[in-house]
């Protein structure tokens, strides 16, 4: 397990010390995300008119919404990745089967070529014998 990290971050204009097993950079990134959410909602007039408790609740709902959307997107991407891995596996099996067929065809071709060469030699030998018989 990594060492515990303490980081001073600014959230909503206030300095907080966060502790965790993540890097300071990560803790700063989380604080930045929270600050961006505050900035985003502070621009909305109707939000600013709400009580602090209600504002906090709205931000919590929005952050939870972001989390669940990201989680759903991750699940969709994992499904897509699995489908692509399955497709790749099928393609690899197809490639192997095609390679086996190719190897078989090459062997058959070589055997047929050898047989054809032997037949050509046989024809030449028989023609030669025939010519010799005709001379006699």
N, C-alpha and C. Protein backbone atom coordinates (compact mmCIF):
# COMPACT_ATOMS: atom_id res chain seq x y z
N UNK A 1 0.85 -1.17 0.00
CA UNK A 1 0.00 0.00 0.00
C UNK A 1 0.89 1.24 0.00
N UNK A 2 0.49 2.26 -0.74
CA UNK A 2 1.29 3.47 -0.81
C UNK A 2 1.12 4.31 0.45
N UNK A 3 2.02 5.26 0.63
CA UNK A 3 1.99 6.11 1.82
C UNK A 3 0.84 7.08 1.74
N UNK A 4 0.38 7.48 2.91
CA UNK A 4 -0.71 8.45 2.99
C UNK A 4 -0.18 9.82 2.58
N UNK A 5 -1.00 10.54 1.80
CA UNK A 5 -0.61 11.84 1.28
C UNK A 5 -1.50 12.91 1.91
N UNK A 6 -0.89 14.02 2.33
CA UNK A 6 -1.63 15.18 2.79
C UNK A 6 -1.44 16.27 1.75
N UNK A 7 -2.55 16.93 1.38
CA UNK A 7 -2.47 17.99 0.39
C UNK A 7 -3.39 19.12 0.80
N UNK A 8 -2.87 20.33 0.69
CA UNK A 8 -3.72 21.49 0.93
C UNK A 8 -4.38 21.86 -0.38
N UNK A 9 -5.72 21.96 -0.34
CA UNK A 9 -6.49 22.30 -1.52
C UNK A 9 -7.40 23.48 -1.19
N UNK A 10 -7.82 24.17 -2.22
CA UNK A 10 -8.76 25.27 -2.04
C UNK A 10 -10.08 24.86 -2.68
N UNK A 11 -11.13 24.87 -1.86
CA UNK A 11 -12.47 24.56 -2.35
C UNK A 11 -13.39 25.67 -1.88
N UNK A 12 -14.03 26.31 -2.82
CA UNK A 12 -14.95 27.39 -2.48
C UNK A 12 -14.26 28.55 -1.77
N UNK A 13 -13.00 28.77 -2.11
CA UNK A 13 -12.26 29.88 -1.52
C UNK A 13 -11.69 29.59 -0.14
N UNK A 14 -11.87 28.38 0.36
CA UNK A 14 -11.35 28.01 1.67
C UNK A 14 -10.28 26.94 1.50
N UNK A 15 -9.26 26.99 2.37
CA UNK A 15 -8.17 26.02 2.31
C UNK A 15 -8.53 24.83 3.20
N UNK A 16 -8.37 23.64 2.63
CA UNK A 16 -8.62 22.39 3.36
C UNK A 16 -7.40 21.50 3.19
N UNK A 17 -7.14 20.69 4.21
CA UNK A 17 -6.10 19.68 4.10
C UNK A 17 -6.80 18.34 3.87
N UNK A 18 -6.51 17.76 2.73
CA UNK A 18 -7.07 16.44 2.40
C UNK A 18 -5.99 15.40 2.62
N UNK A 19 -6.41 14.25 3.12
CA UNK A 19 -5.49 13.13 3.32
C UNK A 19 -6.04 11.92 2.59
N UNK A 20 -5.13 11.17 2.02
CA UNK A 20 -5.56 9.96 1.33
C UNK A 20 -4.36 9.21 0.78
N UNK A 21 -4.62 8.08 0.18
CA UNK A 21 -3.54 7.26 -0.36
C UNK A 21 -3.29 7.55 -1.84
N UNK A 22 -3.99 8.56 -2.36
CA UNK A 22 -3.78 8.98 -3.73
C UNK A 22 -2.68 10.04 -3.75
N UNK A 23 -2.23 10.37 -4.96
CA UNK A 23 -1.19 11.39 -5.10
C UNK A 23 -1.76 12.77 -4.82
N UNK A 24 -0.87 13.70 -4.52
CA UNK A 24 -1.31 15.08 -4.29
C UNK A 24 -1.96 15.62 -5.56
N UNK A 25 -1.41 15.27 -6.70
CA UNK A 25 -1.96 15.71 -7.98
C UNK A 25 -3.42 15.27 -8.11
N UNK A 26 -3.69 14.03 -7.72
CA UNK A 26 -5.06 13.52 -7.80
C UNK A 26 -5.98 14.30 -6.85
N UNK A 27 -5.53 14.54 -5.63
CA UNK A 27 -6.34 15.28 -4.67
C UNK A 27 -6.62 16.70 -5.18
N UNK A 28 -5.63 17.32 -5.82
CA UNK A 28 -5.83 18.65 -6.41
C UNK A 28 -6.85 18.59 -7.55
N UNK A 29 -6.79 17.51 -8.31
CA UNK A 29 -7.72 17.32 -9.42
C UNK A 29 -9.16 17.20 -8.91
N UNK A 30 -9.34 16.48 -7.82
CA UNK A 30 -10.67 16.33 -7.22
C UNK A 30 -11.17 17.69 -6.73
N UNK A 31 -10.30 18.45 -6.06
CA UNK A 31 -10.68 19.78 -5.58
C UNK A 31 -11.03 20.69 -6.76
N UNK A 32 -10.28 20.59 -7.83
CA UNK A 32 -10.55 21.40 -9.02
C UNK A 32 -11.92 21.04 -9.61
N UNK A 33 -12.25 19.77 -9.63
CA UNK A 33 -13.56 19.33 -10.13
C UNK A 33 -14.68 19.96 -9.30
N UNK A 34 -14.53 19.93 -7.97
CA UNK A 34 -15.54 20.50 -7.07
C UNK A 34 -15.64 22.02 -7.33
N UNK A 35 -14.51 22.68 -7.44
CA UNK A 35 -14.53 24.13 -7.70
C UNK A 35 -15.20 24.45 -9.03
N UNK A 36 -14.95 23.63 -10.05
CA UNK A 36 -15.59 23.85 -11.35
C UNK A 36 -17.11 23.69 -11.24
N UNK A 37 -17.56 22.72 -10.46
CA UNK A 37 -19.00 22.55 -10.25
C UNK A 37 -19.58 23.77 -9.55
N UNK A 38 -18.88 24.26 -8.52
CA UNK A 38 -19.34 25.47 -7.83
C UNK A 38 -19.43 26.64 -8.81
N UNK A 39 -18.40 26.83 -9.61
CA UNK A 39 -18.38 27.94 -10.58
C UNK A 39 -19.51 27.81 -11.59
N UNK A 40 -19.73 26.59 -12.06
CA UNK A 40 -20.78 26.32 -13.04
C UNK A 40 -22.15 26.73 -12.49
N UNK A 41 -22.41 26.35 -11.25
CA UNK A 41 -23.73 26.62 -10.66
C UNK A 41 -23.84 28.04 -10.13
N UNK A 42 -22.75 28.64 -9.72
CA UNK A 42 -22.79 30.02 -9.24
C UNK A 42 -23.20 30.99 -10.35
N UNK A 43 -23.08 30.59 -11.60
CA UNK A 43 -23.48 31.43 -12.72
C UNK A 43 -25.00 31.43 -12.91
N UNK A 44 -25.68 30.50 -12.27
CA UNK A 44 -27.14 30.37 -12.44
C UNK A 44 -27.83 31.18 -11.33
N UNK A 45 -28.59 32.16 -11.75
CA UNK A 45 -29.25 33.07 -10.80
C UNK A 45 -30.17 32.32 -9.84
N UNK A 46 -30.97 31.41 -10.35
CA UNK A 46 -31.93 30.68 -9.49
C UNK A 46 -31.20 29.82 -8.46
N UNK A 47 -30.01 29.34 -8.80
CA UNK A 47 -29.22 28.55 -7.85
C UNK A 47 -28.72 29.44 -6.71
N UNK A 48 -28.25 30.64 -7.06
CA UNK A 48 -27.71 31.55 -6.04
C UNK A 48 -28.77 32.00 -5.05
N UNK A 49 -30.03 31.98 -5.45
CA UNK A 49 -31.10 32.42 -4.56
C UNK A 49 -31.49 31.34 -3.54
N UNK A 50 -31.00 30.13 -3.71
CA UNK A 50 -31.34 29.03 -2.79
C UNK A 50 -30.51 29.13 -1.51
N UNK A 51 -30.98 28.43 -0.48
CA UNK A 51 -30.22 28.40 0.77
C UNK A 51 -28.94 27.62 0.56
N UNK A 52 -27.98 27.82 1.43
CA UNK A 52 -26.70 27.10 1.33
C UNK A 52 -26.90 25.60 1.40
N UNK A 53 -27.80 25.15 2.28
CA UNK A 53 -28.07 23.71 2.38
C UNK A 53 -28.63 23.16 1.07
N UNK A 54 -29.56 23.90 0.48
CA UNK A 54 -30.16 23.43 -0.77
C UNK A 54 -29.13 23.47 -1.89
N UNK A 55 -28.28 24.49 -1.93
CA UNK A 55 -27.21 24.57 -2.93
C UNK A 55 -26.28 23.36 -2.80
N UNK A 56 -25.92 23.05 -1.56
CA UNK A 56 -25.04 21.89 -1.34
C UNK A 56 -25.71 20.61 -1.82
N UNK A 57 -27.00 20.48 -1.52
CA UNK A 57 -27.74 19.29 -1.95
C UNK A 57 -27.78 19.20 -3.48
N UNK A 58 -28.04 20.32 -4.16
CA UNK A 58 -28.07 20.32 -5.62
C UNK A 58 -26.71 19.94 -6.20
N UNK A 59 -25.63 20.46 -5.61
CA UNK A 59 -24.29 20.09 -6.07
C UNK A 59 -24.03 18.60 -5.85
N UNK A 60 -24.45 18.09 -4.70
CA UNK A 60 -24.26 16.66 -4.42
C UNK A 60 -25.01 15.81 -5.43
N UNK A 61 -26.26 16.21 -5.73
CA UNK A 61 -27.03 15.47 -6.74
C UNK A 61 -26.35 15.53 -8.10
N UNK A 62 -25.84 16.70 -8.47
CA UNK A 62 -25.18 16.85 -9.76
C UNK A 62 -23.92 16.02 -9.84
N UNK A 63 -23.14 16.02 -8.76
CA UNK A 63 -21.91 15.21 -8.74
C UNK A 63 -22.25 13.73 -8.79
N UNK A 64 -23.30 13.32 -8.06
CA UNK A 64 -23.73 11.92 -8.10
C UNK A 64 -24.20 11.55 -9.51
N UNK A 65 -24.91 12.48 -10.16
CA UNK A 65 -25.37 12.27 -11.53
C UNK A 65 -24.17 12.07 -12.46
N UNK A 66 -23.16 12.93 -12.33
CA UNK A 66 -21.95 12.78 -13.13
C UNK A 66 -21.31 11.41 -12.89
N UNK A 67 -21.28 11.01 -11.63
CA UNK A 67 -20.67 9.72 -11.27
C UNK A 67 -21.42 8.57 -11.94
N UNK A 68 -22.75 8.55 -11.83
CA UNK A 68 -23.51 7.44 -12.39
C UNK A 68 -23.47 7.43 -13.92
N UNK A 69 -23.44 8.62 -14.53
CA UNK A 69 -23.30 8.67 -15.98
C UNK A 69 -21.93 8.14 -16.40
N UNK A 70 -20.90 8.52 -15.67
CA UNK A 70 -19.55 8.03 -15.99
C UNK A 70 -19.48 6.52 -15.78
N UNK A 71 -20.12 6.04 -14.73
CA UNK A 71 -20.13 4.60 -14.44
C UNK A 71 -20.86 3.84 -15.55
N UNK A 72 -21.98 4.40 -16.01
CA UNK A 72 -22.73 3.77 -17.10
C UNK A 72 -21.90 3.78 -18.38
N UNK A 73 -21.25 4.90 -18.67
CA UNK A 73 -20.40 4.99 -19.86
C UNK A 73 -19.26 3.97 -19.78
N UNK A 74 -18.70 3.82 -18.60
CA UNK A 74 -17.63 2.84 -18.42
C UNK A 74 -18.14 1.42 -18.68
N UNK A 75 -19.35 1.13 -18.19
CA UNK A 75 -19.92 -0.20 -18.42
C UNK A 75 -20.16 -0.44 -19.91
N UNK A 76 -20.64 0.60 -20.60
CA UNK A 76 -20.86 0.48 -22.05
C UNK A 76 -19.54 0.25 -22.78
N UNK A 77 -18.52 0.99 -22.38
CA UNK A 77 -17.20 0.82 -23.01
C UNK A 77 -16.62 -0.56 -22.71
N UNK A 78 -16.85 -1.06 -21.49
CA UNK A 78 -16.37 -2.41 -21.16
C UNK A 78 -17.09 -3.45 -22.01
N UNK A 79 -18.40 -3.27 -22.22
CA UNK A 79 -19.15 -4.19 -23.08
C UNK A 79 -18.61 -4.13 -24.51
N UNK A 80 -18.36 -2.91 -24.99
CA UNK A 80 -17.82 -2.75 -26.34
C UNK A 80 -16.44 -3.40 -26.45
N UNK A 81 -15.62 -3.22 -25.42
CA UNK A 81 -14.30 -3.82 -25.41
C UNK A 81 -14.41 -5.34 -25.44
N UNK A 82 -15.31 -5.90 -24.64
CA UNK A 82 -15.49 -7.35 -24.63
C UNK A 82 -15.96 -7.85 -25.99
N UNK A 83 -16.89 -7.11 -26.60
CA UNK A 83 -17.38 -7.50 -27.93
C UNK A 83 -16.24 -7.48 -28.94
N UNK A 84 -15.39 -6.46 -28.86
CA UNK A 84 -14.26 -6.37 -29.78
C UNK A 84 -13.23 -7.47 -29.52
N UNK A 85 -13.04 -7.79 -28.23
CA UNK A 85 -12.11 -8.88 -27.91
C UNK A 85 -12.65 -10.21 -28.44
N UNK A 86 -13.98 -10.41 -28.30
CA UNK A 86 -14.61 -11.63 -28.84
C UNK A 86 -14.47 -11.68 -30.35
N UNK A 87 -14.70 -10.52 -31.00
CA UNK A 87 -14.56 -10.45 -32.45
C UNK A 87 -13.12 -10.75 -32.87
N UNK A 88 -12.17 -10.19 -32.13
CA UNK A 88 -10.76 -10.44 -32.43
C UNK A 88 -10.43 -11.92 -32.27
N UNK A 89 -10.97 -12.54 -31.22
CA UNK A 89 -10.74 -13.97 -30.99
C UNK A 89 -11.31 -14.78 -32.16
N UNK A 90 -12.52 -14.41 -32.60
CA UNK A 90 -13.13 -15.11 -33.74
C UNK A 90 -12.29 -14.93 -35.00
N UNK A 91 -11.78 -13.73 -35.20
CA UNK A 91 -10.95 -13.47 -36.38
C UNK A 91 -9.67 -14.29 -36.31
N UNK A 92 -9.10 -14.40 -35.11
CA UNK A 92 -7.88 -15.21 -34.96
C UNK A 92 -8.16 -16.66 -35.28
N UNK A 93 -9.31 -17.18 -34.80
CA UNK A 93 -9.68 -18.57 -35.10
C UNK A 93 -9.89 -18.75 -36.61
N UNK A 94 -10.53 -17.77 -37.22
CA UNK A 94 -10.76 -17.81 -38.65
C UNK A 94 -9.43 -17.78 -39.40
N UNK A 95 -8.51 -16.96 -38.93
CA UNK A 95 -7.18 -16.87 -39.55
C UNK A 95 -6.46 -18.21 -39.45
N UNK A 96 -6.53 -18.84 -38.29
CA UNK A 96 -5.88 -20.14 -38.11
C UNK A 96 -6.49 -21.18 -39.05
N UNK A 97 -7.84 -21.18 -39.11
CA UNK A 97 -8.52 -22.14 -40.00
C UNK A 97 -8.14 -21.89 -41.46
N UNK A 98 -8.06 -20.63 -41.84
CA UNK A 98 -7.67 -20.28 -43.21
C UNK A 98 -6.23 -20.68 -43.48
N UNK A 99 -5.36 -20.49 -42.50
CA UNK A 99 -3.95 -20.88 -42.66
C UNK A 99 -3.84 -22.39 -42.85
N UNK A 100 -4.63 -23.14 -42.09
CA UNK A 100 -4.63 -24.60 -42.22
C UNK A 100 -5.09 -25.00 -43.62
N UNK A 101 -6.16 -24.32 -44.10
CA UNK A 101 -6.65 -24.61 -45.46
C UNK A 101 -5.57 -24.28 -46.49
N UNK A 102 -4.92 -23.15 -46.30
CA UNK A 102 -3.85 -22.74 -47.22
C UNK A 102 -2.73 -23.76 -47.23
N UNK A 103 -2.33 -24.21 -46.04
CA UNK A 103 -1.27 -25.22 -45.95
C UNK A 103 -1.68 -26.49 -46.68
N UNK A 104 -2.93 -26.91 -46.50
CA UNK A 104 -3.43 -28.11 -47.17
C UNK A 104 -3.43 -27.92 -48.68
N UNK A 105 -3.89 -26.74 -49.12
CA UNK A 105 -3.91 -26.47 -50.56
C UNK A 105 -2.49 -26.44 -51.14
N UNK A 106 -1.56 -25.88 -50.40
CA UNK A 106 -0.16 -25.86 -50.87
C UNK A 106 0.38 -27.28 -50.99
N UNK A 107 0.09 -28.12 -50.00
CA UNK A 107 0.54 -29.53 -50.07
C UNK A 107 -0.09 -30.23 -51.27
N UNK A 108 -1.40 -30.00 -51.45
CA UNK A 108 -2.09 -30.62 -52.60
C UNK A 108 -1.51 -30.11 -53.91
N UNK A 109 -1.23 -28.81 -53.98
CA UNK A 109 -0.64 -28.23 -55.18
C UNK A 109 0.72 -28.85 -55.47
N UNK A 110 1.55 -28.94 -54.43
CA UNK A 110 2.88 -29.52 -54.63
C UNK A 110 2.80 -30.97 -55.06
N UNK A 111 1.85 -31.70 -54.47
CA UNK A 111 1.68 -33.11 -54.85
C UNK A 111 1.20 -33.20 -56.30
N UNK A 112 0.25 -32.34 -56.67
CA UNK A 112 -0.26 -32.36 -58.04
C UNK A 112 0.82 -31.93 -59.03
N UNK A 113 1.62 -30.94 -58.66
CA UNK A 113 2.72 -30.47 -59.52
C UNK A 113 3.74 -31.60 -59.69
N UNK A 114 4.05 -32.28 -58.61
CA UNK A 114 5.01 -33.39 -58.70
C UNK A 114 4.47 -34.48 -59.61
N UNK A 115 3.17 -34.77 -59.44
CA UNK A 115 2.54 -35.80 -60.29
C UNK A 115 2.53 -35.35 -61.76
N UNK A 116 2.24 -34.07 -61.99
CA UNK A 116 2.23 -33.54 -63.36
C UNK A 116 3.63 -33.61 -63.96
N UNK A 117 4.64 -33.24 -63.18
CA UNK A 117 6.03 -33.32 -63.67
C UNK A 117 6.39 -34.76 -64.01
N UNK A 118 5.97 -35.69 -63.15
CA UNK A 118 6.25 -37.10 -63.42
C UNK A 118 5.53 -37.56 -64.67
N UNK A 119 4.31 -37.08 -64.85
CA UNK A 119 3.54 -37.45 -66.06
C UNK A 119 4.19 -36.87 -67.31
N UNK A 120 4.70 -35.63 -67.21
CA UNK A 120 5.39 -35.02 -68.36
C UNK A 120 6.63 -35.86 -68.70
N UNK A 121 7.38 -36.27 -67.67
CA UNK A 121 8.57 -37.11 -67.91
C UNK A 121 8.16 -38.44 -68.54
N UNK A 122 7.05 -38.99 -68.05
CA UNK A 122 6.56 -40.27 -68.56
C UNK A 122 6.15 -40.14 -70.03
N UNK A 123 5.47 -39.02 -70.33
CA UNK A 123 5.04 -38.78 -71.72
C UNK A 123 6.27 -38.64 -72.61
N UNK A 124 7.26 -37.89 -72.18
CA UNK A 124 8.49 -37.70 -72.96
C UNK A 124 9.18 -39.05 -73.17
N UNK A 125 9.26 -39.86 -72.09
CA UNK A 125 9.89 -41.17 -72.20
C UNK A 125 9.12 -42.05 -73.18
N UNK A 126 7.76 -42.04 -73.07
CA UNK A 126 6.95 -42.86 -73.96
C UNK A 126 7.07 -42.38 -75.41
N UNK A 127 7.11 -41.06 -75.64
CA UNK A 127 7.27 -40.52 -76.99
C UNK A 127 8.62 -40.91 -77.56
N UNK A 128 9.63 -40.86 -76.69
CA UNK A 128 10.97 -41.25 -77.12
C UNK A 128 10.99 -42.73 -77.50
N UNK A 129 10.37 -43.56 -76.68
CA UNK A 129 10.31 -45.00 -76.98
C UNK A 129 9.56 -45.24 -78.28
N UNK A 130 8.48 -44.49 -78.46
CA UNK A 130 7.66 -44.65 -79.67
C UNK A 130 8.47 -44.27 -80.91
N UNK A 131 9.21 -43.17 -80.83
CA UNK A 131 10.03 -42.74 -81.94
C UNK A 131 11.11 -43.78 -82.25
N UNK A 132 11.69 -44.36 -81.20
CA UNK A 132 12.72 -45.38 -81.40
C UNK A 132 12.13 -46.62 -82.05
N UNK A 133 10.93 -47.01 -81.69
CA UNK A 133 10.28 -48.17 -82.28
C UNK A 133 9.94 -47.91 -83.74
N UNK A 134 9.52 -46.66 -84.00
CA UNK A 134 9.17 -46.31 -85.38
C UNK A 134 10.41 -46.33 -86.28
N UNK A 135 11.57 -46.01 -85.75
CA UNK A 135 12.82 -46.02 -86.51
C UNK A 135 13.22 -47.46 -86.84
N UNK A 136 12.90 -48.35 -86.01
CA UNK A 136 13.32 -49.75 -86.20
C UNK A 136 12.43 -50.46 -87.13
